[in-house]
Protein backbone atom coordinates (compact mmCIF):
# COMPACT_ATOMS: atom_id res chain seq x y z
CA UNK A 1 -16.29 -19.75 -53.42
CA UNK A 2 -18.16 -20.29 -50.19
CA UNK A 3 -21.73 -21.39 -50.77
CA UNK A 4 -24.08 -19.10 -48.83
CA UNK A 5 -26.67 -21.90 -48.95
CA UNK A 6 -24.29 -24.32 -47.22
CA UNK A 7 -26.56 -26.12 -44.70
CA UNK A 8 -23.73 -26.28 -42.17
CA UNK A 9 -23.77 -22.50 -41.73
CA UNK A 10 -27.00 -22.60 -39.74
CA UNK A 11 -25.59 -25.34 -37.52
CA UNK A 12 -22.39 -23.50 -36.62
CA UNK A 13 -22.06 -21.91 -33.19
CA UNK A 14 -20.14 -18.98 -34.69
CA UNK A 15 -20.76 -17.00 -37.88
CA UNK A 16 -19.40 -18.12 -41.25
CA UNK A 17 -16.91 -15.25 -41.24
CA UNK A 18 -15.36 -16.64 -44.41
CA UNK A 19 -18.43 -15.51 -46.37
CA UNK A 20 -16.92 -12.03 -46.30
CA UNK A 21 -14.54 -13.32 -48.96
CA UNK A 22 -17.47 -14.22 -51.22
CA UNK A 23 -19.14 -10.89 -50.51
CA UNK A 24 -16.08 -9.09 -51.84
CA UNK A 25 -15.78 -11.40 -54.86
CA UNK A 26 -19.42 -10.64 -55.75
CA UNK A 27 -19.23 -6.84 -55.49
CA UNK A 28 -18.24 -6.21 -59.18
CA UNK A 29 -21.49 -7.90 -60.24
CA UNK A 30 -23.34 -5.15 -58.39
CA UNK A 31 -21.20 -2.36 -59.80
CA UNK A 32 -19.17 -2.11 -56.60
CA UNK A 33 -15.58 -2.74 -55.60
CA UNK A 34 -14.13 -4.07 -52.34
CA UNK A 35 -13.43 -1.28 -49.84
CA UNK A 36 -9.62 -1.49 -50.04
CA UNK A 37 -6.77 -4.01 -50.01
CA UNK A 38 -6.06 -5.46 -46.56
CA UNK A 39 -2.66 -6.96 -47.40
CA UNK A 40 -0.66 -5.46 -44.52
CA UNK A 41 1.97 -3.67 -46.62
CA UNK A 42 -0.60 -2.14 -48.95
CA UNK A 43 -2.84 -1.31 -46.00
CA UNK A 44 0.04 0.58 -44.43
CA UNK A 45 0.74 2.48 -47.67
CA UNK A 46 -2.91 3.50 -47.97
CA UNK A 47 -2.89 4.78 -44.40
CA UNK A 48 0.27 6.80 -45.06
CA UNK A 49 -1.42 8.46 -48.03
CA UNK A 50 -4.43 9.41 -45.92
CA UNK A 51 -2.77 10.61 -42.72
CA UNK A 52 -1.08 13.87 -41.90
CA UNK A 53 2.66 13.68 -41.43
CA UNK A 54 2.18 13.79 -37.67
CA UNK A 55 -0.49 11.10 -37.70
CA UNK A 56 1.65 8.85 -39.86
CA UNK A 57 4.80 9.34 -37.79
CA UNK A 58 3.00 8.65 -34.52
CA UNK A 59 1.32 5.50 -35.85
CA UNK A 60 4.36 4.08 -37.63
CA UNK A 61 7.29 5.14 -35.46
CA UNK A 62 9.15 2.59 -33.40
CA UNK A 63 11.85 2.92 -30.76
CA UNK A 64 15.32 3.71 -32.04
CA UNK A 65 16.19 2.01 -35.30
CA UNK A 66 13.11 -0.27 -35.28
CA UNK A 67 15.13 -3.40 -34.52
CA UNK A 68 12.60 -4.68 -31.98
CA UNK A 69 9.85 -4.15 -34.52
CA UNK A 70 11.90 -6.15 -37.02
CA UNK A 71 12.54 -8.91 -34.48
CA UNK A 72 8.80 -9.19 -33.81
CA UNK A 73 8.15 -10.02 -37.44
CA UNK A 74 11.20 -12.27 -37.84
CA UNK A 75 10.04 -14.40 -34.93
CA UNK A 76 6.81 -15.28 -36.72
CA UNK A 77 8.69 -16.35 -39.85
CA UNK A 78 10.56 -19.15 -38.08
CA UNK A 79 7.36 -21.02 -37.20
CA UNK A 80 5.43 -22.93 -39.87
CA UNK A 81 1.89 -24.27 -39.59
CA UNK A 82 1.36 -27.97 -40.29
CA UNK A 83 -2.08 -28.28 -41.95
CA UNK A 84 -4.17 -31.42 -41.43
CA UNK A 85 -6.32 -32.86 -44.20
CA UNK A 86 -9.74 -34.54 -44.41
CA UNK A 87 -10.80 -33.05 -41.10
CA UNK A 88 -14.51 -32.28 -40.75
CA UNK A 89 -14.31 -28.53 -40.17
CA UNK A 90 -17.85 -27.82 -41.37
CA UNK A 91 -19.00 -26.91 -37.88
CA UNK A 92 -15.77 -25.25 -36.78
CA UNK A 93 -16.00 -22.88 -33.83
CA UNK A 94 -13.83 -19.75 -33.83
CA UNK A 95 -15.05 -18.56 -30.42
CA UNK A 96 -13.32 -18.44 -27.08
CA UNK A 97 -14.00 -17.11 -23.59
CA UNK A 98 -12.03 -14.34 -21.93
CA UNK A 99 -12.75 -13.22 -18.37
CA UNK A 100 -16.26 -14.63 -18.54
CA UNK A 101 -17.13 -13.17 -21.95
CA UNK A 102 -17.81 -15.52 -24.85
CA UNK A 103 -16.39 -13.73 -27.88
CA UNK A 104 -16.28 -14.39 -31.62
CA UNK A 105 -12.58 -15.26 -31.75
CA UNK A 106 -9.44 -15.05 -29.60
CA UNK A 107 -8.79 -11.62 -31.11
CA UNK A 108 -9.21 -8.24 -29.41
CA UNK A 109 -8.71 -4.56 -30.11
CA UNK A 110 -5.43 -3.54 -28.48
CA UNK A 111 -5.43 -0.29 -26.47
CA UNK A 112 -4.10 2.51 -28.66
CA UNK A 113 -4.22 6.17 -27.68
CA UNK A 114 -4.97 9.46 -29.42
CA UNK A 115 -7.27 7.97 -32.05
CA UNK A 116 -8.38 11.47 -33.07
CA UNK A 117 -5.12 11.93 -34.96
CA UNK A 118 -6.26 9.07 -37.19
CA UNK A 119 -9.92 10.04 -37.51
CA UNK A 120 -11.95 12.94 -36.06
CA UNK A 121 -14.32 10.54 -34.28
CA UNK A 122 -11.41 8.97 -32.40
CA UNK A 123 -12.15 5.80 -30.46
CA UNK A 124 -15.93 5.87 -31.01
CA UNK A 125 -16.15 4.04 -34.36
CA UNK A 126 -13.58 1.51 -33.18
CA UNK A 127 -15.57 0.69 -30.06
CA UNK A 128 -18.75 0.46 -32.15
CA UNK A 129 -17.24 -2.06 -34.58
CA UNK A 130 -15.81 -4.12 -31.71
CA UNK A 131 -19.34 -4.49 -30.32
CA UNK A 132 -20.75 -5.43 -33.75
CA UNK A 133 -18.17 -8.18 -34.16
CA UNK A 134 -18.33 -9.28 -30.51
CA UNK A 135 -14.60 -8.79 -30.04
CA UNK A 136 -13.21 -7.29 -26.81
CA UNK A 137 -12.30 -3.61 -26.96
CA UNK A 138 -9.55 -2.25 -24.71
CA UNK A 139 -9.55 1.52 -24.10
CA UNK A 140 -6.26 3.32 -23.51
CA UNK A 141 -5.86 5.93 -20.79
CA UNK A 142 -4.36 8.01 -23.62
CA UNK A 143 -7.67 7.81 -25.45
CA UNK A 144 -9.03 10.96 -27.04
CA UNK A 145 -12.69 10.58 -26.01
CA UNK A 146 -14.24 10.48 -22.54
CA UNK A 147 -14.47 7.01 -21.02
CA UNK A 148 -18.25 7.31 -20.84
CA UNK A 149 -18.60 8.21 -24.53
CA UNK A 150 -16.54 5.23 -25.60
CA UNK A 151 -18.64 2.94 -23.41
CA UNK A 152 -21.81 4.27 -25.04
CA UNK A 153 -20.39 3.60 -28.50
CA UNK A 154 -19.45 0.08 -27.42
CA UNK A 155 -22.95 -0.66 -26.12
CA UNK A 156 -23.16 -4.12 -24.61
CA UNK A 157 -19.81 -5.18 -26.05
CA UNK A 158 -17.13 -6.74 -23.83
CA UNK A 159 -14.60 -4.08 -22.89
CA UNK A 160 -11.49 -3.64 -20.76
CA UNK A 161 -9.62 -0.60 -19.49
CA UNK A 162 -5.88 -0.11 -19.97
CA UNK A 163 -4.33 2.06 -17.26
CA UNK A 164 -1.36 4.37 -17.55
CA UNK A 165 -0.99 5.01 -13.85
CA UNK A 166 -0.61 8.61 -12.66
CA UNK A 167 1.52 9.53 -9.63
CA UNK A 168 -1.63 10.81 -8.00
CA UNK A 169 -3.66 8.14 -6.25
CA UNK A 170 -6.83 10.20 -6.24
CA UNK A 171 -6.63 10.58 -10.02
CA UNK A 172 -5.90 6.86 -10.48
CA UNK A 173 -8.93 5.93 -8.38
CA UNK A 174 -11.10 8.35 -10.32
CA UNK A 175 -10.07 6.81 -13.64
CA UNK A 176 -10.69 3.28 -12.37
CA UNK A 177 -14.10 4.19 -10.96
CA UNK A 178 -15.13 5.85 -14.21
CA UNK A 179 -13.99 2.79 -16.14
CA UNK A 180 -15.85 0.35 -13.92
CA UNK A 181 -19.00 2.48 -13.82
CA UNK A 182 -18.88 2.56 -17.63
CA UNK A 183 -18.75 -1.21 -17.98
CA UNK A 184 -15.01 -1.79 -18.47
CA UNK A 185 -14.71 -4.91 -16.37
CA UNK A 186 -11.03 -5.83 -16.48
CA UNK A 187 -8.03 -3.61 -15.80
CA UNK A 188 -4.72 -3.81 -17.66
CA UNK A 189 -1.78 -1.84 -16.28
CA UNK A 190 0.80 -1.09 -18.96
CA UNK A 191 4.24 -1.48 -17.40
CA UNK A 192 6.56 -0.49 -20.25
CA UNK A 193 5.53 3.11 -20.89
CA UNK A 194 6.17 5.45 -18.00
CA UNK A 195 7.32 7.67 -20.85
CA UNK A 196 7.54 7.27 -24.61
CA UNK A 197 10.52 5.49 -26.13
CA UNK A 198 12.91 7.49 -28.32
CA UNK A 199 11.19 7.64 -31.70
CA UNK A 200 13.28 9.58 -34.18
CA UNK A 201 10.56 10.85 -36.52
CA UNK A 202 8.36 12.10 -33.70
CA UNK A 203 11.24 13.87 -31.98
CA UNK A 204 12.53 15.40 -35.21
CA UNK A 205 9.13 16.96 -35.98
CA UNK A 206 8.03 17.86 -32.44
CA UNK A 207 5.18 15.44 -33.01
CA UNK A 208 3.24 15.20 -29.75
CA UNK A 209 -0.50 15.77 -30.18
CA UNK A 210 -1.20 16.42 -26.51
CA UNK A 211 1.18 19.38 -26.52
CA UNK A 212 -0.81 20.77 -29.46
CA UNK A 213 -4.01 20.54 -27.42
CA UNK A 214 -5.29 17.47 -29.28
CA UNK A 215 -6.56 14.21 -27.82
CA UNK A 216 -6.77 14.87 -24.08
CA UNK A 217 -10.55 14.54 -23.72
CA UNK A 218 -10.37 11.41 -21.55
CA UNK A 219 -8.42 13.38 -18.97
CA UNK A 220 -10.18 16.71 -19.41
CA UNK A 221 -13.49 15.01 -18.61
CA UNK A 222 -12.22 13.61 -15.32
CA UNK A 223 -13.49 15.44 -12.20
CA UNK A 224 -10.26 14.97 -10.28
CA UNK A 225 -8.16 16.20 -13.18
CA UNK A 226 -10.50 19.15 -13.62
CA UNK A 227 -9.69 20.04 -10.02
CA UNK A 228 -5.97 19.75 -10.82
CA UNK A 229 -6.42 22.07 -13.81
CA UNK A 230 -8.12 24.63 -11.57
CA UNK A 231 -5.30 24.40 -9.03
CA UNK A 232 -2.87 25.26 -11.83
CA UNK A 233 -5.05 28.08 -13.08
CA UNK A 234 -5.48 26.47 -16.51
CA UNK A 235 -8.63 26.98 -18.57
CA UNK A 236 -8.73 24.02 -21.01
CA UNK A 237 -10.91 25.95 -23.45
CA UNK A 238 -8.63 28.97 -23.64
CA UNK A 239 -5.37 27.09 -23.10
CA UNK A 240 -5.77 23.66 -24.71
CA UNK A 241 -2.02 23.18 -25.14
CA UNK A 242 -1.28 23.73 -21.45
CA UNK A 243 -4.25 21.57 -20.44
CA UNK A 244 -3.21 18.75 -22.77
CA UNK A 245 0.37 18.95 -21.56
CA UNK A 246 -0.65 18.80 -17.90
CA UNK A 247 -2.82 15.76 -18.59
CA UNK A 248 -0.28 13.73 -20.48
CA UNK A 249 2.52 14.74 -18.10
CA UNK A 250 0.41 13.09 -15.40
CA UNK A 251 0.10 9.93 -17.52
CA UNK A 252 3.44 9.54 -19.34
CA UNK A 253 5.26 11.18 -16.50
CA UNK A 254 8.63 9.45 -16.70
CA UNK A 255 8.47 8.37 -13.05
CA UNK A 256 8.71 4.60 -12.83
CA UNK A 257 6.44 2.53 -10.64
CA UNK A 258 7.74 -0.62 -8.96
CA UNK A 259 6.36 -3.93 -7.73
CA UNK A 260 5.83 -2.42 -4.28
CA UNK A 261 2.87 -0.40 -5.59
CA UNK A 262 1.11 -3.36 -7.19
CA UNK A 263 -0.67 -4.71 -4.08
CA UNK A 264 -2.31 -1.31 -3.55
CA UNK A 265 -3.39 -1.04 -7.17
CA UNK A 266 -4.73 -4.59 -7.35
CA UNK A 267 -6.60 -4.17 -4.06
CA UNK A 268 -8.04 -0.84 -5.21
CA UNK A 269 -9.27 -2.23 -8.52
CA UNK A 270 -10.70 -5.35 -6.87
CA UNK A 271 -12.61 -3.22 -4.34
CA UNK A 272 -13.99 -0.96 -7.05
CA UNK A 273 -14.93 -3.78 -9.42
CA UNK A 274 -16.03 -6.44 -6.99
CA UNK A 275 -13.08 -8.68 -7.75
CA UNK A 276 -12.85 -8.45 -11.54
CA UNK A 277 -9.57 -9.35 -13.32
CA UNK A 278 -6.39 -7.31 -13.06
CA UNK A 279 -3.57 -7.88 -15.57
CA UNK A 280 -0.13 -6.54 -16.41
CA UNK A 281 0.65 -5.61 -20.00
CA UNK A 282 4.24 -5.44 -21.20
CA UNK A 283 5.75 -8.58 -19.66
CA UNK A 284 8.76 -9.97 -21.55
CA UNK A 285 10.80 -11.89 -18.96
CA UNK A 286 10.06 -15.12 -17.13
CA UNK A 287 11.06 -13.48 -13.85
CA UNK A 288 8.49 -10.72 -14.29
CA UNK A 289 5.80 -13.22 -15.25
CA UNK A 290 6.46 -15.15 -12.05
CA UNK A 291 6.41 -11.93 -10.01
CA UNK A 292 3.08 -10.96 -11.56
CA UNK A 293 1.58 -14.22 -10.36
CA UNK A 294 3.08 -13.76 -6.89
CA UNK A 295 1.53 -10.32 -6.42
CA UNK A 296 -1.90 -11.56 -7.44
CA UNK A 297 -2.39 -10.66 -11.09
CA UNK A 298 -5.07 -12.61 -12.94
CA UNK A 299 -3.26 -12.49 -16.27
CA UNK A 300 -0.45 -10.97 -18.28
CA UNK A 301 -0.06 -9.62 -21.79
CA UNK A 302 3.24 -10.64 -23.32
CA UNK A 303 4.02 -7.49 -25.26
CA UNK A 304 6.90 -5.18 -26.15
CA UNK A 305 4.53 -2.40 -27.22
CA UNK A 306 5.01 -3.45 -30.85
CA UNK A 307 8.66 -2.41 -30.69
CA UNK A 308 7.84 1.18 -29.75
CA UNK A 309 9.55 1.33 -26.35
CA UNK A 310 12.87 -0.56 -26.15
CA UNK A 311 14.98 -0.86 -29.29
CA UNK A 312 17.00 -4.04 -29.74
CA UNK A 313 14.75 -6.04 -27.42
CA UNK A 314 13.70 -9.67 -27.54
CA UNK A 315 10.94 -10.53 -30.00
CA UNK A 316 7.66 -10.69 -28.15
CA UNK A 317 6.85 -14.08 -29.71
CA UNK A 318 10.14 -15.49 -28.42
CA UNK A 319 9.32 -14.07 -24.99
CA UNK A 320 5.94 -15.80 -25.19
CA UNK A 321 7.59 -19.19 -25.69
CA UNK A 322 9.84 -18.65 -22.68
CA UNK A 323 7.03 -17.47 -20.43
CA UNK A 324 4.58 -20.20 -21.43
CA UNK A 325 7.23 -22.84 -20.72
CA UNK A 326 7.71 -21.41 -17.22
CA UNK A 327 4.22 -20.37 -16.06
CA UNK A 328 1.78 -21.31 -18.81
CA UNK A 329 -0.35 -23.39 -16.45
CA UNK A 330 -0.37 -20.79 -13.69
CA UNK A 331 -1.90 -17.66 -15.25
CA UNK A 332 -3.94 -16.41 -18.19
CA UNK A 333 -1.46 -15.42 -20.89
CA UNK A 334 -2.37 -12.99 -23.67
CA UNK A 335 -0.21 -11.71 -26.50
CA UNK A 336 0.39 -8.68 -28.67
CA UNK A 337 3.14 -7.19 -30.89
CA UNK A 338 3.62 -7.92 -34.56
CA UNK A 339 0.30 -9.54 -35.50
CA UNK A 340 -0.41 -8.94 -39.20
CA UNK A 341 -2.77 -11.75 -40.19
CA UNK A 342 -4.66 -14.87 -39.22
CA UNK A 343 -1.61 -17.13 -39.44
CA UNK A 344 0.14 -14.90 -36.88
CA UNK A 345 -2.86 -15.22 -34.57
CA UNK A 346 -2.78 -18.98 -34.91
CA UNK A 347 0.97 -19.17 -34.27
CA UNK A 348 0.68 -17.11 -31.08
CA UNK A 349 -2.14 -19.37 -29.87
CA UNK A 350 -0.15 -22.49 -30.73
CA UNK A 351 2.79 -21.16 -28.72
CA UNK A 352 0.59 -20.86 -25.66
CA UNK A 353 -1.26 -17.54 -25.71
CA UNK A 354 -4.95 -17.82 -24.84
CA UNK A 355 -5.84 -14.55 -26.53
CA UNK A 356 -4.28 -12.11 -28.99
CA UNK A 357 -4.60 -8.33 -29.32
CA UNK A 358 -4.31 -6.54 -32.66
CA UNK A 359 -3.35 -2.88 -32.98
CA UNK A 360 -1.82 -1.38 -36.08
CA UNK A 361 -4.13 -3.23 -38.49
CA UNK A 362 -7.26 -1.52 -37.21
CA UNK A 363 -5.42 1.80 -36.83
CA UNK A 364 -4.66 1.68 -40.56
CA UNK A 365 -8.30 0.91 -41.28
CA UNK A 366 -9.46 3.79 -39.08
CA UNK A 367 -7.00 6.11 -40.83
CA UNK A 368 -8.13 5.10 -44.32
CA UNK A 369 -11.90 5.09 -43.95
CA UNK A 370 -13.05 5.59 -40.37
CA UNK A 371 -15.71 3.21 -39.11
CA UNK A 372 -16.01 1.52 -42.51
CA UNK A 373 -12.26 0.99 -42.60
CA UNK A 374 -12.10 -0.54 -39.13
CA UNK A 375 -14.99 -2.85 -39.95
CA UNK A 376 -13.41 -3.93 -43.24
CA UNK A 377 -10.03 -4.69 -41.67
CA UNK A 378 -11.40 -6.65 -38.73
CA UNK A 379 -14.04 -8.55 -40.73
CA UNK A 380 -11.27 -9.45 -43.16
CA UNK A 381 -9.11 -10.71 -40.29
CA UNK A 382 -12.00 -12.80 -38.95
CA UNK A 383 -12.64 -14.18 -42.43
CA UNK A 384 -8.95 -14.97 -42.83
CA UNK A 385 -8.95 -16.79 -39.48
CA UNK A 386 -12.18 -18.68 -40.24
CA UNK A 387 -10.85 -19.80 -43.63
CA UNK A 388 -7.48 -20.78 -42.12
CA UNK A 389 -9.23 -23.02 -39.60
CA UNK A 390 -11.25 -24.55 -42.43
CA UNK A 391 -8.40 -25.28 -44.85
CA UNK A 392 -5.87 -25.99 -42.10
CA UNK A 393 -7.99 -28.63 -40.39
CA UNK A 394 -8.88 -26.96 -37.06
CA UNK A 395 -12.33 -27.59 -35.58
CA UNK A 396 -11.98 -25.28 -32.59
CA UNK A 397 -9.50 -23.09 -30.75
CA UNK A 398 -8.60 -25.86 -28.29
CA UNK A 399 -7.02 -27.85 -31.14
CA UNK A 400 -4.48 -25.11 -31.83
CA UNK A 401 -1.58 -26.48 -29.80
CA UNK A 402 2.20 -26.48 -29.94
CA UNK A 403 2.37 -29.56 -32.13
CA UNK A 404 0.66 -27.81 -35.06
CA UNK A 405 3.86 -25.84 -35.67
CA UNK A 406 7.22 -26.82 -37.06
CA UNK A 407 9.76 -24.39 -35.67
CA UNK A 408 13.24 -23.52 -36.80
CA UNK A 409 16.26 -22.12 -34.91
CA UNK A 410 16.48 -18.44 -34.05
CA UNK A 411 18.74 -17.75 -37.00
CA UNK A 412 17.81 -14.11 -37.35
CA UNK A 413 20.05 -12.03 -39.57
CA UNK A 414 22.57 -10.12 -37.52
CA UNK A 415 22.76 -7.25 -40.01
CA UNK A 416 20.68 -4.11 -40.00
CA UNK A 417 17.49 -4.79 -41.93
CA UNK A 418 14.22 -3.04 -42.31
CA UNK A 419 10.81 -4.63 -42.08
CA UNK A 420 8.13 -3.08 -44.26
CA UNK A 421 5.47 -4.72 -42.12
């Protein structure tokens, strides 16, 4: 299926990720079976079977009636890849560079919080696998392990820190210093989640792990927050619910920040990190993309939080097209929301993103089988991408441009539909 003795493998600058396909095909000969099916719909069903009701609702819930989530998927369907034939892809290179790090592919681990509701080890196995695969790992402020512990699990892997910004400058500075001192060398401020969107299943079941005393370890390990706990007379060991609530109420506080605060935050991060990149995550409008450049951001993530914050919003992929057309040559543009496979990654790159973050796929893997599950999902995605470049006629990432897509009008159905994926 993919000859492991292929002499070109040794000449490639990146691994023959596609060999993972052969490895799975061979397993029955050794009395084994592949770990599990990574088709996105079946992957989701397996995760649902494994998770608690609360874990499933938190991972799967979207804002409102899930129309933004639906739009994210619909937007991918209207673009079609145009494969090229008889291209010498034997030495294809899947790698790219992001903020000075040469990585295996333009694919990263999106920041997702409260991983302990998916697996007892939380973010640790995810960070470990990211290092193994040389893919960037982005840690959420809502993470359920201390920053330092996640860094240790990630080893020498490239890693970034996603900030949910408290309304306490001392606490913000403490979080940024801990991140930088732990090797997280780019900062991403999420701009669309001062508080959670209205997610029916979570609300209907009172599903909020932090209020149950679960998942607040990143905050509880912070010296400034420990001081805040003491000022409130809260013992986190004896009162984990109150401690968790105080932490997350400092993070998802419902008090919006504005552009006026950005110069302070950028300056603070640059001083702490010696000038390392600062980015905004959650940009959907051209106007906001332009403003991000004006205030000094080094990059933006075009994202609608996978449809979890604003229901009935523009598809993130459509927003990407608009933003790239306006400022694509002026800033480093990344993408997330709705990625389910290698073809989605390629389409986002062709539409102008330089890098793509994946979230729910690895969450399902973590939920199903912990570290092994994360590794299986992400190695499968890399194999899928490597094979797509091979059979689609792409020798490197630079060749994935707008003209490799045929695109159709935005003729999305105007009736209420549901998207399984």
